[in-house]
Amino acid sequence: RIEEQGGAGKLTEFAALKRFGRPEEIAELLAFCAS
């Protein structure tokens, strides 16, 4: 959110899923990779 105006928000306009990801979504990936 700090970087939302610096490009992070704009990126979502190009995304297939036009929203910010949720922390728990990336957490599941990180945890799986570490498992």
PDB file of all heavy atoms in Angstrom:
ATOM      1  N   ARG A   1       0.822  -1.216   0.000  1.00  0.00           N
ATOM      2  CA  ARG A   1       0.000   0.000   0.000  1.00  0.00           C
ATOM      3  C   ARG A   1       0.856   1.267   0.000  1.00  0.00           C
ATOM      4  O   ARG A   1       0.466   2.281  -0.586  1.00  0.00           O
ATOM      5  CB  ARG A   1      -0.946  -0.009   1.205  1.00  0.00           C
ATOM      6  CG  ARG A   1      -2.046  -1.072   1.091  1.00  0.00           C
ATOM      7  CD  ARG A   1      -2.891  -0.889  -0.162  1.00  0.00           C
ATOM      8  NE  ARG A   1      -3.929  -1.917  -0.279  1.00  0.00           N
ATOM      9  CZ  ARG A   1      -4.798  -1.981  -1.283  1.00  0.00           C
ATOM     10  NH1 ARG A   1      -4.739  -1.099  -2.268  1.00  0.00           N
ATOM     11  NH2 ARG A   1      -5.711  -2.946  -1.321  1.00  0.00           N
ATOM     12  N   ILE A   2       2.034   1.199   0.630  1.00  0.00           N
ATOM     13  CA  ILE A   2       2.954   2.337   0.578  1.00  0.00           C
ATOM     14  C   ILE A   2       3.348   2.613  -0.863  1.00  0.00           C
ATOM     15  O   ILE A   2       3.477   3.765  -1.292  1.00  0.00           O
ATOM     16  CB  ILE A   2       4.206   2.061   1.437  1.00  0.00           C
ATOM     17  CG1 ILE A   2       3.855   2.152   2.924  1.00  0.00           C
ATOM     18  CG2 ILE A   2       5.332   3.039   1.111  1.00  0.00           C
ATOM     19  CD1 ILE A   2       4.972   1.724   3.847  1.00  0.00           C
ATOM     20  N   GLU A   3       3.520   1.547  -1.639  1.00  0.00           N
ATOM     21  CA  GLU A   3       3.957   1.674  -3.029  1.00  0.00           C
ATOM     22  C   GLU A   3       2.805   1.754  -4.021  1.00  0.00           C
ATOM     23  O   GLU A   3       3.023   1.756  -5.230  1.00  0.00           O
ATOM     24  CB  GLU A   3       4.855   0.493  -3.397  1.00  0.00           C
ATOM     25  CG  GLU A   3       6.151   0.432  -2.599  1.00  0.00           C
ATOM     26  CD  GLU A   3       7.024   1.651  -2.795  1.00  0.00           C
ATOM     27  OE1 GLU A   3       7.026   2.211  -3.920  1.00  0.00           O
ATOM     28  OE2 GLU A   3       7.706   2.062  -1.834  1.00  0.00           O
ATOM     29  N   GLU A   4       1.583   1.851  -3.509  1.00  0.00           N
ATOM     30  CA  GLU A   4       0.413   1.830  -4.396  1.00  0.00           C
ATOM     31  C   GLU A   4       0.473   2.937  -5.446  1.00  0.00           C
ATOM     32  O   GLU A   4       0.183   2.721  -6.629  1.00  0.00           O
ATOM     33  CB  GLU A   4      -0.875   1.951  -3.578  1.00  0.00           C
ATOM     34  CG  GLU A   4      -2.134   1.812  -4.417  1.00  0.00           C
ATOM     35  CD  GLU A   4      -3.385   1.702  -3.558  1.00  0.00           C
ATOM     36  OE1 GLU A   4      -3.280   1.806  -2.316  1.00  0.00           O
ATOM     37  OE2 GLU A   4      -4.464   1.495  -4.144  1.00  0.00           O
ATOM     38  N   GLN A   5       0.868   4.153  -5.021  1.00  0.00           N
ATOM     39  CA  GLN A   5       0.936   5.272  -5.956  1.00  0.00           C
ATOM     40  C   GLN A   5       2.232   5.270  -6.776  1.00  0.00           C
ATOM     41  O   GLN A   5       2.348   6.000  -7.763  1.00  0.00           O
ATOM     42  CB  GLN A   5       0.813   6.598  -5.193  1.00  0.00           C
ATOM     43  CG  GLN A   5      -0.479   6.737  -4.407  1.00  0.00           C
ATOM     44  CD  GLN A   5      -1.712   6.549  -5.272  1.00  0.00           C
ATOM     45  OE1 GLN A   5      -1.799   7.086  -6.377  1.00  0.00           O
ATOM     46  NE2 GLN A   5      -2.668   5.777  -4.774  1.00  0.00           N
ATOM     47  N   GLY A   6       3.190   4.436  -6.369  1.00  0.00           N
ATOM     48  CA  GLY A   6       4.463   4.376  -7.068  1.00  0.00           C
ATOM     49  C   GLY A   6       4.525   3.296  -8.125  1.00  0.00           C
ATOM     50  O   GLY A   6       5.582   3.032  -8.686  1.00  0.00           O
ATOM     51  N   GLY A   7       3.399   2.642  -8.391  1.00  0.00           N
ATOM     52  CA  GLY A   7       3.369   1.644  -9.449  1.00  0.00           C
ATOM     53  C   GLY A   7       2.651   0.368  -9.080  1.00  0.00           C
ATOM     54  O   GLY A   7       2.120  -0.319  -9.953  1.00  0.00           O
ATOM     55  N   ALA A   8       2.604   0.018  -7.790  1.00  0.00           N
ATOM     56  CA  ALA A   8       1.973  -1.230  -7.381  1.00  0.00           C
ATOM     57  C   ALA A   8       0.490  -1.245  -7.735  1.00  0.00           C
ATOM     58  O   ALA A   8      -0.061  -2.270  -8.153  1.00  0.00           O
ATOM     59  CB  ALA A   8       2.151  -1.462  -5.884  1.00  0.00           C
ATOM     60  N   GLY A   9      -0.174  -0.097  -7.574  1.00  0.00           N
ATOM     61  CA  GLY A   9      -1.589  -0.020  -7.919  1.00  0.00           C
ATOM     62  C   GLY A   9      -1.818  -0.095  -9.415  1.00  0.00           C
ATOM     63  O   GLY A   9      -2.727  -0.772  -9.897  1.00  0.00           O
ATOM     64  N   LYS A  10      -0.962   0.602 -10.174  1.00  0.00           N
ATOM     65  CA  LYS A  10      -1.080   0.601 -11.633  1.00  0.00           C
ATOM     66  C   LYS A  10      -0.885  -0.785 -12.213  1.00  0.00           C
ATOM     67  O   LYS A  10      -1.510  -1.156 -13.210  1.00  0.00           O
ATOM     68  CB  LYS A  10      -0.054   1.575 -12.221  1.00  0.00           C
ATOM     69  CG  LYS A  10      -0.203   1.812 -13.725  1.00  0.00           C
ATOM     70  CD  LYS A  10      -1.476   2.553 -14.055  1.00  0.00           C
ATOM     71  CE  LYS A  10      -1.582   2.848 -15.552  1.00  0.00           C
ATOM     72  NZ  LYS A  10      -2.830   3.563 -15.875  1.00  0.00           N
ATOM     73  N   LEU A  11      -0.005  -1.569 -11.600  1.00  0.00           N
ATOM     74  CA  LEU A  11       0.249  -2.922 -12.091  1.00  0.00           C
ATOM     75  C   LEU A  11      -1.019  -3.757 -12.164  1.00  0.00           C
ATOM     76  O   LEU A  11      -1.180  -4.570 -13.080  1.00  0.00           O
ATOM     77  CB  LEU A  11       1.269  -3.622 -11.190  1.00  0.00           C
ATOM     78  CG  LEU A  11       2.743  -3.275 -11.378  1.00  0.00           C
ATOM     79  CD1 LEU A  11       3.575  -3.967 -10.306  1.00  0.00           C
ATOM     80  CD2 LEU A  11       3.228  -3.672 -12.770  1.00  0.00           C
ATOM     81  N   THR A  12      -1.921  -3.565 -11.210  1.00  0.00           N
ATOM     82  CA  THR A  12      -3.133  -4.380 -11.183  1.00  0.00           C
ATOM     83  C   THR A  12      -4.033  -4.119 -12.390  1.00  0.00           C
ATOM     84  O   THR A  12      -4.846  -4.958 -12.745  1.00  0.00           O
ATOM     85  CB  THR A  12      -3.932  -4.141  -9.892  1.00  0.00           C
ATOM     86  OG1 THR A  12      -4.337  -2.764  -9.830  1.00  0.00           O
ATOM     87  CG2 THR A  12      -3.088  -4.460  -8.660  1.00  0.00           C
ATOM     88  N   GLU A  13      -3.862  -2.961 -13.030  1.00  0.00           N
ATOM     89  CA  GLU A  13      -4.664  -2.663 -14.219  1.00  0.00           C
ATOM     90  C   GLU A  13      -4.284  -3.573 -15.383  1.00  0.00           C
ATOM     91  O   GLU A  13      -5.095  -3.812 -16.285  1.00  0.00           O
ATOM     92  CB  GLU A  13      -4.484  -1.199 -14.620  1.00  0.00           C
ATOM     93  CG  GLU A  13      -4.998  -0.214 -13.583  1.00  0.00           C
ATOM     94  CD  GLU A  13      -4.814   1.227 -14.024  1.00  0.00           C
ATOM     95  OE1 GLU A  13      -4.592   1.462 -15.235  1.00  0.00           O
ATOM     96  OE2 GLU A  13      -4.881   2.125 -13.155  1.00  0.00           O
ATOM     97  N   PHE A  14      -3.043  -4.061 -15.380  1.00  0.00           N
ATOM     98  CA  PHE A  14      -2.585  -4.947 -16.452  1.00  0.00           C
ATOM     99  C   PHE A  14      -2.796  -6.412 -16.118  1.00  0.00           C
ATOM    100  O   PHE A  14      -2.639  -7.282 -16.969  1.00  0.00           O
ATOM    101  CB  PHE A  14      -1.095  -4.709 -16.727  1.00  0.00           C
ATOM    102  CG  PHE A  14      -0.768  -3.303 -17.144  1.00  0.00           C
ATOM    103  CD1 PHE A  14      -0.169  -2.419 -16.259  1.00  0.00           C
ATOM    104  CD2 PHE A  14      -1.067  -2.850 -18.424  1.00  0.00           C
ATOM    105  CE1 PHE A  14       0.142  -1.123 -16.646  1.00  0.00           C
ATOM    106  CE2 PHE A  14      -0.769  -1.542 -18.820  1.00  0.00           C
ATOM    107  CZ  PHE A  14      -0.162  -0.687 -17.927  1.00  0.00           C
ATOM    108  N   ALA A  15      -3.122  -6.710 -14.870  1.00  0.00           N
ATOM    109  CA  ALA A  15      -3.196  -8.091 -14.401  1.00  0.00           C
ATOM    110  C   ALA A  15      -4.449  -8.792 -14.907  1.00  0.00           C
ATOM    111  O   ALA A  15      -5.472  -8.170 -15.204  1.00  0.00           O
ATOM    112  CB  ALA A  15      -3.168  -8.114 -12.875  1.00  0.00           C
ATOM    113  N   ALA A  16      -4.359 -10.109 -14.999  1.00  0.00           N
ATOM    114  CA  ALA A  16      -5.540 -10.907 -15.320  1.00  0.00           C
ATOM    115  C   ALA A  16      -6.535 -10.828 -14.154  1.00  0.00           C
ATOM    116  O   ALA A  16      -7.743 -10.727 -14.362  1.00  0.00           O
ATOM    117  CB  ALA A  16      -5.127 -12.349 -15.587  1.00  0.00           C
ATOM    118  N   LEU A  17      -6.017 -10.874 -12.944  1.00  0.00           N
ATOM    119  CA  LEU A  17      -6.834 -10.680 -11.746  1.00  0.00           C
ATOM    120  C   LEU A  17      -6.640  -9.243 -11.288  1.00  0.00           C
ATOM    121  O   LEU A  17      -5.613  -8.901 -10.729  1.00  0.00           O
ATOM    122  CB  LEU A  17      -6.395 -11.646 -10.640  1.00  0.00           C
ATOM    123  CG  LEU A  17      -6.466 -13.133 -10.985  1.00  0.00           C
ATOM    124  CD1 LEU A  17      -5.889 -13.967  -9.850  1.00  0.00           C
ATOM    125  CD2 LEU A  17      -7.906 -13.556 -11.293  1.00  0.00           C
ATOM    126  N   LYS A  18      -7.600  -8.416 -11.551  1.00  0.00           N
ATOM    127  CA  LYS A  18      -7.425  -6.970 -11.363  1.00  0.00           C
ATOM    128  C   LYS A  18      -7.677  -6.545  -9.918  1.00  0.00           C
ATOM    129  O   LYS A  18      -8.627  -5.834  -9.596  1.00  0.00           O
ATOM    130  CB  LYS A  18      -8.308  -6.209 -12.347  1.00  0.00           C
ATOM    131  CG  LYS A  18      -7.938  -6.518 -13.799  1.00  0.00           C
ATOM    132  CD  LYS A  18      -8.662  -5.632 -14.778  1.00  0.00           C
ATOM    133  CE  LYS A  18      -8.300  -6.017 -16.205  1.00  0.00           C
ATOM    134  NZ  LYS A  18      -6.858  -5.988 -16.458  1.00  0.00           N
ATOM    135  N   ARG A  19      -6.785  -6.984  -9.078  1.00  0.00           N
ATOM    136  CA  ARG A  19      -6.860  -6.669  -7.657  1.00  0.00           C
ATOM    137  C   ARG A  19      -5.492  -6.904  -7.032  1.00  0.00           C
ATOM    138  O   ARG A  19      -4.616  -7.535  -7.630  1.00  0.00           O
ATOM    139  CB  ARG A  19      -7.892  -7.561  -6.955  1.00  0.00           C
ATOM    140  CG  ARG A  19      -7.551  -9.057  -7.008  1.00  0.00           C
ATOM    141  CD  ARG A  19      -8.523  -9.870  -6.148  1.00  0.00           C
ATOM    142  NE  ARG A  19      -8.312 -11.302  -6.256  1.00  0.00           N
ATOM    143  CZ  ARG A  19      -7.408 -12.002  -5.559  1.00  0.00           C
ATOM    144  NH1 ARG A  19      -6.598 -11.378  -4.698  1.00  0.00           N
ATOM    145  NH2 ARG A  19      -7.301 -13.318  -5.704  1.00  0.00           N
ATOM    146  N   PHE A  20      -5.318  -6.405  -5.819  1.00  0.00           N
ATOM    147  CA  PHE A  20      -4.141  -6.740  -5.033  1.00  0.00           C
ATOM    148  C   PHE A  20      -4.267  -8.180  -4.548  1.00  0.00           C
ATOM    149  O   PHE A  20      -5.368  -8.644  -4.222  1.00  0.00           O
ATOM    150  CB  PHE A  20      -4.025  -5.813  -3.818  1.00  0.00           C
ATOM    151  CG  PHE A  20      -3.293  -4.529  -4.095  1.00  0.00           C
ATOM    152  CD1 PHE A  20      -3.840  -3.556  -4.927  1.00  0.00           C
ATOM    153  CD2 PHE A  20      -2.052  -4.295  -3.512  1.00  0.00           C
ATOM    154  CE1 PHE A  20      -3.162  -2.374  -5.178  1.00  0.00           C
ATOM    155  CE2 PHE A  20      -1.364  -3.103  -3.757  1.00  0.00           C
ATOM    156  CZ  PHE A  20      -1.919  -2.144  -4.597  1.00  0.00           C
ATOM    157  N   GLY A  21      -3.168  -8.880  -4.490  1.00  0.00           N
ATOM    158  CA  GLY A  21      -3.181 -10.201  -3.892  1.00  0.00           C
ATOM    159  C   GLY A  21      -3.329 -10.093  -2.389  1.00  0.00           C
ATOM    160  O   GLY A  21      -3.011  -9.068  -1.786  1.00  0.00           O
ATOM    161  N   ARG A  22      -3.841 -11.144  -1.775  1.00  0.00           N
ATOM    162  CA  ARG A  22      -3.993 -11.178  -0.322  1.00  0.00           C
ATOM    163  C   ARG A  22      -2.755 -11.836   0.303  1.00  0.00           C
ATOM    164  O   ARG A  22      -2.205 -12.787  -0.262  1.00  0.00           O
ATOM    165  CB  ARG A  22      -5.263 -11.939   0.055  1.00  0.00           C
ATOM    166  CG  ARG A  22      -6.547 -11.243  -0.413  1.00  0.00           C
ATOM    167  CD  ARG A  22      -7.781 -11.982   0.068  1.00  0.00           C
ATOM    168  NE  ARG A  22      -7.974 -13.243  -0.639  1.00  0.00           N
ATOM    169  CZ  ARG A  22      -8.636 -13.367  -1.788  1.00  0.00           C
ATOM    170  NH1 ARG A  22      -9.153 -12.300  -2.384  1.00  0.00           N
ATOM    171  NH2 ARG A  22      -8.771 -14.549  -2.357  1.00  0.00           N
ATOM    172  N   PRO A  23      -2.320 -11.346   1.447  1.00  0.00           N
ATOM    173  CA  PRO A  23      -1.128 -11.907   2.078  1.00  0.00           C
ATOM    174  C   PRO A  23      -1.181 -13.416   2.253  1.00  0.00           C
ATOM    175  O   PRO A  23      -0.182 -14.116   2.062  1.00  0.00           O
ATOM    176  CB  PRO A  23      -1.069 -11.200   3.436  1.00  0.00           C
ATOM    177  CG  PRO A  23      -1.768  -9.900   3.206  1.00  0.00           C
ATOM    178  CD  PRO A  23      -2.866 -10.206   2.217  1.00  0.00           C
ATOM    179  N   GLU A  24      -2.364 -13.933   2.589  1.00  0.00           N
ATOM    180  CA  GLU A  24      -2.477 -15.373   2.800  1.00  0.00           C
ATOM    181  C   GLU A  24      -2.288 -16.160   1.502  1.00  0.00           C
ATOM    182  O   GLU A  24      -1.904 -17.344   1.537  1.00  0.00           O
ATOM    183  CB  GLU A  24      -3.820 -15.736   3.455  1.00  0.00           C
ATOM    184  CG  GLU A  24      -5.046 -15.287   2.684  1.00  0.00           C
ATOM    185  CD  GLU A  24      -5.551 -13.915   3.076  1.00  0.00           C
ATOM    186  OE1 GLU A  24      -4.749 -13.086   3.575  1.00  0.00           O
ATOM    187  OE2 GLU A  24      -6.765 -13.665   2.878  1.00  0.00           O
ATOM    188  N   GLU A  25      -2.531 -15.513   0.353  1.00  0.00           N
ATOM    189  CA  GLU A  25      -2.339 -16.208  -0.920  1.00  0.00           C
ATOM    190  C   GLU A  25      -0.861 -16.423  -1.218  1.00  0.00           C
ATOM    191  O   GLU A  25      -0.438 -17.516  -1.625  1.00  0.00           O
ATOM    192  CB  GLU A  25      -3.008 -15.416  -2.049  1.00  0.00           C
ATOM    193  CG  GLU A  25      -4.524 -15.411  -1.938  1.00  0.00           C
ATOM    194  CD  GLU A  25      -5.200 -14.488  -2.942  1.00  0.00           C
ATOM    195  OE1 GLU A  25      -4.659 -13.392  -3.221  1.00  0.00           O
ATOM    196  OE2 GLU A  25      -6.287 -14.850  -3.442  1.00  0.00           O
ATOM    197  N   ILE A  26      -0.041 -15.399  -1.027  1.00  0.00           N
ATOM    198  CA  ILE A  26       1.399 -15.562  -1.238  1.00  0.00           C
ATOM    199  C   ILE A  26       1.990 -16.416  -0.127  1.00  0.00           C
ATOM    200  O   ILE A  26       2.947 -17.181  -0.342  1.00  0.00           O
ATOM    201  CB  ILE A  26       2.108 -14.191  -1.344  1.00  0.00           C
ATOM    202  CG1 ILE A  26       3.541 -14.357  -1.854  1.00  0.00           C
ATOM    203  CG2 ILE A  26       2.088 -13.452  -0.034  1.00  0.00           C
ATOM    204  CD1 ILE A  26       3.654 -14.774  -3.293  1.00  0.00           C
ATOM    205  N   ALA A  27       1.414 -16.331   1.077  1.00  0.00           N
ATOM    206  CA  ALA A  27       1.909 -17.125   2.202  1.00  0.00           C
ATOM    207  C   ALA A  27       1.805 -18.617   1.917  1.00  0.00           C
ATOM    208  O   ALA A  27       2.707 -19.394   2.246  1.00  0.00           O
ATOM    209  CB  ALA A  27       1.141 -16.773   3.477  1.00  0.00           C
ATOM    210  N   GLU A  28       0.711 -19.023   1.305  1.00  0.00           N
ATOM    211  CA  GLU A  28       0.543 -20.447   0.980  1.00  0.00           C
ATOM    212  C   GLU A  28       1.621 -20.914   0.004  1.00  0.00           C
ATOM    213  O   GLU A  28       2.144 -22.031   0.130  1.00  0.00           O
ATOM    214  CB  GLU A  28      -0.848 -20.696   0.394  1.00  0.00           C
ATOM    215  CG  GLU A  28      -1.992 -20.547   1.377  1.00  0.00           C
ATOM    216  CD  GLU A  28      -2.052 -21.681   2.400  1.00  0.00           C
ATOM    217  OE1 GLU A  28      -1.321 -22.689   2.238  1.00  0.00           O
ATOM    218  OE2 GLU A  28      -2.828 -21.558   3.364  1.00  0.00           O
ATOM    219  N   LEU A  29       1.963 -20.061  -0.964  1.00  0.00           N
ATOM    220  CA  LEU A  29       3.010 -20.420  -1.922  1.00  0.00           C
ATOM    221  C   LEU A  29       4.375 -20.490  -1.239  1.00  0.00           C
ATOM    222  O   LEU A  29       5.140 -21.440  -1.438  1.00  0.00           O
ATOM    223  CB  LEU A  29       3.046 -19.406  -3.063  1.00  0.00           C
ATOM    224  CG  LEU A  29       4.183 -19.592  -4.081  1.00  0.00           C
ATOM    225  CD1 LEU A  29       4.114 -20.970  -4.735  1.00  0.00           C
ATOM    226  CD2 LEU A  29       4.142 -18.487  -5.137  1.00  0.00           C
ATOM    227  N   LEU A  30       4.686 -19.496  -0.427  1.00  0.00           N
ATOM    228  CA  LEU A  30       5.972 -19.475   0.263  1.00  0.00           C
ATOM    229  C   LEU A  30       6.106 -20.683   1.189  1.00  0.00           C
ATOM    230  O   LEU A  30       7.167 -21.325   1.247  1.00  0.00           O
ATOM    231  CB  LEU A  30       6.126 -18.178   1.052  1.00  0.00           C
ATOM    232  CG  LEU A  30       6.265 -16.906   0.211  1.00  0.00           C
ATOM    233  CD1 LEU A  30       6.139 -15.667   1.097  1.00  0.00           C
ATOM    234  CD2 LEU A  30       7.582 -16.873  -0.540  1.00  0.00           C
ATOM    235  N   ALA A  31       5.043 -20.979   1.920  1.00  0.00           N
ATOM    236  CA  ALA A  31       5.075 -22.117   2.834  1.00  0.00           C
ATOM    237  C   ALA A  31       5.236 -23.430   2.077  1.00  0.00           C
ATOM    238  O   ALA A  31       5.979 -24.323   2.515  1.00  0.00           O
ATOM    239  CB  ALA A  31       3.805 -22.140   3.678  1.00  0.00           C
ATOM    240  N   PHE A  32       4.558 -23.557   0.955  1.00  0.00           N
ATOM    241  CA  PHE A  32       4.693 -24.775   0.148  1.00  0.00           C
ATOM    242  C   PHE A  32       6.116 -24.936  -0.360  1.00  0.00           C
ATOM    243  O   PHE A  32       6.706 -26.018  -0.265  1.00  0.00           O
ATOM    244  CB  PHE A  32       3.721 -24.739  -1.034  1.00  0.00           C
ATOM    245  CG  PHE A  32       3.920 -25.879  -2.008  1.00  0.00           C
ATOM    246  CD1 PHE A  32       3.501 -27.157  -1.682  1.00  0.00           C
ATOM    247  CD2 PHE A  32       4.548 -25.662  -3.225  1.00  0.00           C
ATOM    248  CE1 PHE A  32       3.698 -28.219  -2.566  1.00  0.00           C
ATOM    249  CE2 PHE A  32       4.756 -26.711  -4.111  1.00  0.00           C
ATOM    250  CZ  PHE A  32       4.328 -27.999  -3.785  1.00  0.00           C
ATOM    251  N   CYS A  33       6.694 -23.856  -0.879  1.00  0.00           N
ATOM    252  CA  CYS A  33       8.056 -23.922  -1.408  1.00  0.00           C
ATOM    253  C   CYS A  33       9.057 -24.291  -0.317  1.00  0.00           C
ATOM    254  O   CYS A  33      10.064 -24.959  -0.576  1.00  0.00           O
ATOM    255  CB  CYS A  33       8.448 -22.582  -2.035  1.00  0.00           C
ATOM    256  SG  CYS A  33       7.615 -22.218  -3.589  1.00  0.00           S
ATOM    257  N   ALA A  34       8.786 -23.844   0.910  1.00  0.00           N
ATOM    258  CA  ALA A  34       9.673 -24.137   2.027  1.00  0.00           C
ATOM    259  C   ALA A  34       9.439 -25.518   2.622  1.00  0.00           C
ATOM    260  O   ALA A  34      10.274 -26.006   3.389  1.00  0.00           O
ATOM    261  CB  ALA A  34       9.500 -23.081   3.116  1.00  0.00           C
ATOM    262  N   SER A  35       8.334 -26.148   2.265  1.00  0.00           N
ATOM    263  CA  SER A  35       7.998 -27.449   2.828  1.00  0.00           C
ATOM    264  C   SER A  35       8.797 -28.560   2.142  1.00  0.00           C
ATOM    265  O   SER A  35       9.517 -28.333   1.164  1.00  0.00           O
ATOM    266  CB  SER A  35       6.495 -27.724   2.664  1.00  0.00           C
ATOM    267  OG  SER A  35       6.196 -28.084   1.319  1.00  0.00           O
TER     268      SER A  35
END
